[in-house]
Amino acid sequence: MTSKKSIYLSDEMLSIWDSIPVDERGEVIRKALRDYANQSDDDPNLREIRKIEIELENLQNSFEQIKKNVAHKEMRLEELRGEKNTMTIDYESEWDNHLDRAREAERSEKIWESYAGRAEYRVHAVSADERVYLENINTGRTTSNYQKGTFTLGLRRLMDRGGRIKQGDMIPVNMHEYAVVSLHPRLHLRGGYIVFE
């Protein structure tokens, strides 16, 4: 005799459930129930060991799923980029040059404006871990900063669009975009667009 029961799963458990082939799900449930019945209720250490083993297995399954998702997204991104006539540059070299220009801007106290001209900015510091800290001269705030990832992602977006992108679409934080555009010798503003020349 069999009976039907419903179970409720969290998103994490649901992704694991979906990864089990349909014809094996019943046996997975039966095995889990048998394992649970066979464990000793008298020994709290054994219960904790089993609990941690299950949690670890769940985490490993989730980790594997995340790795697969990342690999799939990376592959798809490369496919899409390969289909486009994108411009290519040496991002490592671009970042190193950007850090040099940021340090020089800090020394010379170079100031630039927002696109609308309502605020002024300058490089406050370049840290040992290669973060570029900016100062909003109007407010005196000096905590806003960006790193290589932000810089590189912005340049990739620009290159993926053939070296021309709308202002505000290159880097999510406007203050950081202003700095990158102002400090880069080949980035210029043209009619509401950032252009790589």
Protein backbone atom coordinates (compact mmCIF):
# COMPACT_ATOMS: atom_id res chain seq x y z
CA MET A 1 0.00 0.00 0.00
CA THR A 2 1.23 3.50 -0.82
CA SER A 3 0.02 6.92 0.25
CA LYS A 4 0.57 10.36 -1.21
CA LYS A 5 2.22 13.11 0.84
CA SER A 6 3.11 16.70 -0.02
CA ILE A 7 6.43 18.30 0.85
CA TYR A 8 7.40 21.97 0.75
CA LEU A 9 10.89 22.85 -0.44
CA SER A 10 12.94 26.02 -0.12
CA ASP A 11 14.45 27.47 -3.33
CA GLU A 12 17.75 25.79 -2.46
CA MET A 13 16.11 22.40 -1.91
CA LEU A 14 13.94 22.83 -5.02
CA SER A 15 17.02 23.31 -7.22
CA ILE A 16 18.49 20.11 -5.78
CA TRP A 17 15.17 18.29 -6.28
CA ASP A 18 15.02 19.45 -9.91
CA SER A 19 18.53 18.09 -10.50
CA ILE A 20 17.44 14.54 -9.53
CA PRO A 21 16.18 12.53 -12.53
CA VAL A 22 12.40 12.04 -12.28
CA ASP A 23 12.60 8.24 -12.23
CA GLU A 24 15.08 8.31 -9.30
CA ARG A 25 13.24 10.71 -6.99
CA GLY A 26 11.17 8.05 -5.25
CA GLU A 27 14.24 5.99 -4.39
CA VAL A 28 16.05 9.10 -3.09
CA ILE A 29 13.15 9.78 -0.71
CA ARG A 30 12.96 6.12 0.37
CA LYS A 31 16.70 6.01 1.04
CA ALA A 32 16.58 9.22 3.09
CA LEU A 33 13.73 7.82 5.20
CA ARG A 34 15.51 4.48 5.72
CA ASP A 35 18.75 6.27 6.66
CA TYR A 36 16.88 8.45 9.11
CA ALA A 37 15.14 5.43 10.70
CA ASN A 38 18.44 3.55 11.05
CA GLN A 39 20.34 6.30 12.80
CA SER A 40 20.61 6.15 16.57
CA ASP A 41 18.32 8.59 18.37
CA ASP A 42 20.22 7.95 21.58
CA ASP A 43 23.47 9.55 20.50
CA PRO A 44 23.25 13.33 19.94
CA ASN A 45 26.68 13.35 18.32
CA LEU A 46 25.52 10.92 15.65
CA ARG A 47 22.45 13.07 14.98
CA GLU A 48 24.63 16.16 14.62
CA ILE A 49 27.09 14.31 12.37
CA ARG A 50 24.24 13.22 10.09
CA LYS A 51 22.76 16.72 10.09
CA ILE A 52 26.10 18.28 9.11
CA GLU A 53 26.67 15.61 6.44
CA ILE A 54 23.30 16.44 4.88
CA GLU A 55 23.96 20.19 5.05
CA LEU A 56 27.40 19.72 3.51
CA GLU A 57 25.98 17.57 0.72
CA ASN A 58 23.32 20.21 0.03
CA LEU A 59 25.94 22.96 -0.06
CA GLN A 60 28.12 20.93 -2.42
CA ASN A 61 25.16 20.30 -4.71
CA SER A 62 24.30 24.00 -4.69
CA PHE A 63 27.94 24.89 -5.34
CA GLU A 64 28.06 22.54 -8.33
CA GLN A 65 24.87 24.07 -9.70
CA ILE A 66 26.27 27.58 -9.29
CA LYS A 67 29.48 26.57 -11.08
CA LYS A 68 27.44 25.15 -13.96
CA ASN A 69 25.37 28.34 -14.16
CA VAL A 70 28.49 30.53 -14.15
CA ALA A 71 30.13 28.40 -16.86
CA HIS A 72 26.96 28.56 -18.97
CA LYS A 73 26.70 32.35 -18.62
CA GLU A 74 30.39 32.82 -19.46
CA MET A 75 30.06 30.60 -22.53
CA ARG A 76 26.95 32.44 -23.71
CA LEU A 77 28.61 35.81 -23.17
CA GLU A 78 31.61 34.74 -25.24
CA GLU A 79 29.29 33.45 -27.98
CA LEU A 80 27.44 36.77 -28.10
CA ARG A 81 30.66 38.77 -28.08
CA GLY A 82 32.07 36.56 -30.82
CA GLU A 83 29.04 37.25 -33.02
CA LYS A 84 29.48 41.00 -32.69
CA ASN A 85 32.17 43.07 -34.31
CA THR A 86 33.51 44.25 -30.97
CA MET A 87 36.58 46.35 -30.38
CA THR A 88 39.28 44.75 -28.27
CA ILE A 89 41.85 46.31 -25.97
CA ASP A 90 44.29 45.07 -23.33
CA TYR A 91 42.21 45.50 -20.17
CA GLU A 92 45.10 44.70 -17.83
CA SER A 93 47.26 47.39 -19.40
CA GLU A 94 44.33 49.84 -19.43
CA TRP A 95 43.83 49.36 -15.69
CA ASP A 96 47.54 49.79 -14.90
CA ASN A 97 47.60 53.01 -16.95
CA HIS A 98 44.42 54.20 -15.25
CA LEU A 99 46.00 53.73 -11.81
CA ASP A 100 49.02 55.77 -12.93
CA ARG A 101 46.75 58.57 -14.19
CA ALA A 102 44.71 58.45 -10.96
CA ARG A 103 47.86 58.79 -8.84
CA GLU A 104 49.02 61.71 -10.98
CA ALA A 105 45.57 63.33 -10.69
CA GLU A 106 45.81 62.96 -6.90
CA ARG A 107 49.23 64.63 -6.84
CA SER A 108 48.19 67.47 -9.14
CA GLU A 109 44.74 67.83 -7.48
CA LYS A 110 43.04 67.65 -10.87
CA ILE A 111 39.33 68.53 -10.70
CA TRP A 112 36.55 67.47 -13.08
CA GLU A 113 32.82 68.13 -13.23
CA SER A 114 29.75 65.95 -13.47
CA TYR A 115 28.15 65.82 -16.92
CA ALA A 116 25.60 68.45 -15.87
CA GLY A 117 28.28 70.64 -14.29
CA ARG A 118 26.57 70.68 -10.90
CA ALA A 119 29.28 68.87 -8.91
CA GLU A 120 33.06 68.72 -8.86
CA TYR A 121 35.26 65.75 -8.10
CA ARG A 122 38.89 64.76 -7.67
CA VAL A 123 40.95 61.72 -6.72
CA HIS A 124 41.22 61.57 -2.95
CA ALA A 125 43.59 58.56 -2.82
CA VAL A 126 44.73 55.39 -4.56
CA SER A 127 45.07 52.67 -1.92
CA ALA A 128 47.61 49.86 -1.75
CA ASP A 129 44.89 47.37 -2.73
CA GLU A 130 44.30 49.42 -5.91
CA ARG A 131 41.07 51.15 -4.99
CA VAL A 132 40.56 54.62 -6.42
CA TYR A 133 38.90 56.84 -3.79
CA LEU A 134 37.08 59.92 -5.01
CA GLU A 135 36.20 63.15 -3.27
CA ASN A 136 32.97 65.00 -3.95
CA ILE A 137 34.24 68.55 -3.51
CA ASN A 138 30.73 69.91 -2.94
CA THR A 139 30.04 67.60 0.02
CA GLY A 140 33.56 66.69 1.16
CA ARG A 141 32.68 62.97 0.99
CA THR A 142 35.73 60.77 0.33
CA THR A 143 34.47 57.19 0.82
CA SER A 144 33.23 56.44 -2.70
CA ASN A 145 35.67 54.15 -4.52
CA TYR A 146 36.01 51.69 -7.37
CA GLN A 147 38.35 48.88 -8.30
CA LYS A 148 39.58 47.04 -11.37
CA GLY A 149 36.34 45.05 -11.79
CA THR A 150 34.21 48.16 -12.13
CA PHE A 151 36.68 49.80 -14.49
CA THR A 152 37.08 46.72 -16.70
CA LEU A 153 33.35 46.00 -16.86
CA GLY A 154 32.71 49.59 -17.94
CA LEU A 155 35.33 49.41 -20.69
CA ARG A 156 33.95 46.04 -21.85
CA ARG A 157 30.47 47.53 -22.17
CA LEU A 158 31.93 50.36 -24.20
CA MET A 159 33.95 48.06 -26.47
CA ASP A 160 31.01 45.67 -26.93
CA ARG A 161 29.09 48.61 -28.39
CA GLY A 162 31.84 49.46 -30.85
CA GLY A 163 33.49 52.14 -28.72
CA ARG A 164 30.39 54.34 -28.27
CA ILE A 165 27.96 54.20 -25.33
CA LYS A 166 25.36 56.52 -23.80
CA GLN A 167 26.48 58.59 -20.84
CA GLY A 168 25.44 56.80 -17.65
CA ASP A 169 25.37 53.33 -19.28
CA MET A 170 29.07 52.57 -19.02
CA ILE A 171 29.46 52.38 -15.21
CA PRO A 172 26.47 52.13 -12.84
CA VAL A 173 27.75 54.76 -10.37
CA ASN A 174 27.87 58.13 -12.15
CA MET A 175 30.63 59.47 -9.91
CA HIS A 176 32.87 56.57 -10.96
CA GLU A 177 32.00 56.99 -14.63
CA TYR A 178 32.89 60.69 -14.47
CA ALA A 179 36.30 59.77 -13.05
CA VAL A 180 37.06 57.06 -15.63
CA VAL A 181 36.04 59.30 -18.54
CA SER A 182 37.90 62.31 -17.19
CA LEU A 183 41.13 60.40 -16.49
CA HIS A 184 41.23 58.37 -19.73
CA PRO A 185 43.04 60.12 -22.60
CA ARG A 186 41.01 58.33 -25.29
CA LEU A 187 37.51 58.74 -23.83
CA HIS A 188 35.56 61.81 -24.90
CA LEU A 189 32.00 63.09 -24.55
CA ARG A 190 30.18 63.54 -27.84
CA GLY A 191 26.50 64.54 -27.88
CA GLY A 192 25.43 62.52 -24.85
CA TYR A 193 27.73 59.58 -25.64
CA ILE A 194 31.08 58.39 -24.35
CA VAL A 195 33.31 57.69 -27.32
CA PHE A 196 36.59 55.73 -27.41
CA GLU A 197 38.95 57.36 -29.88
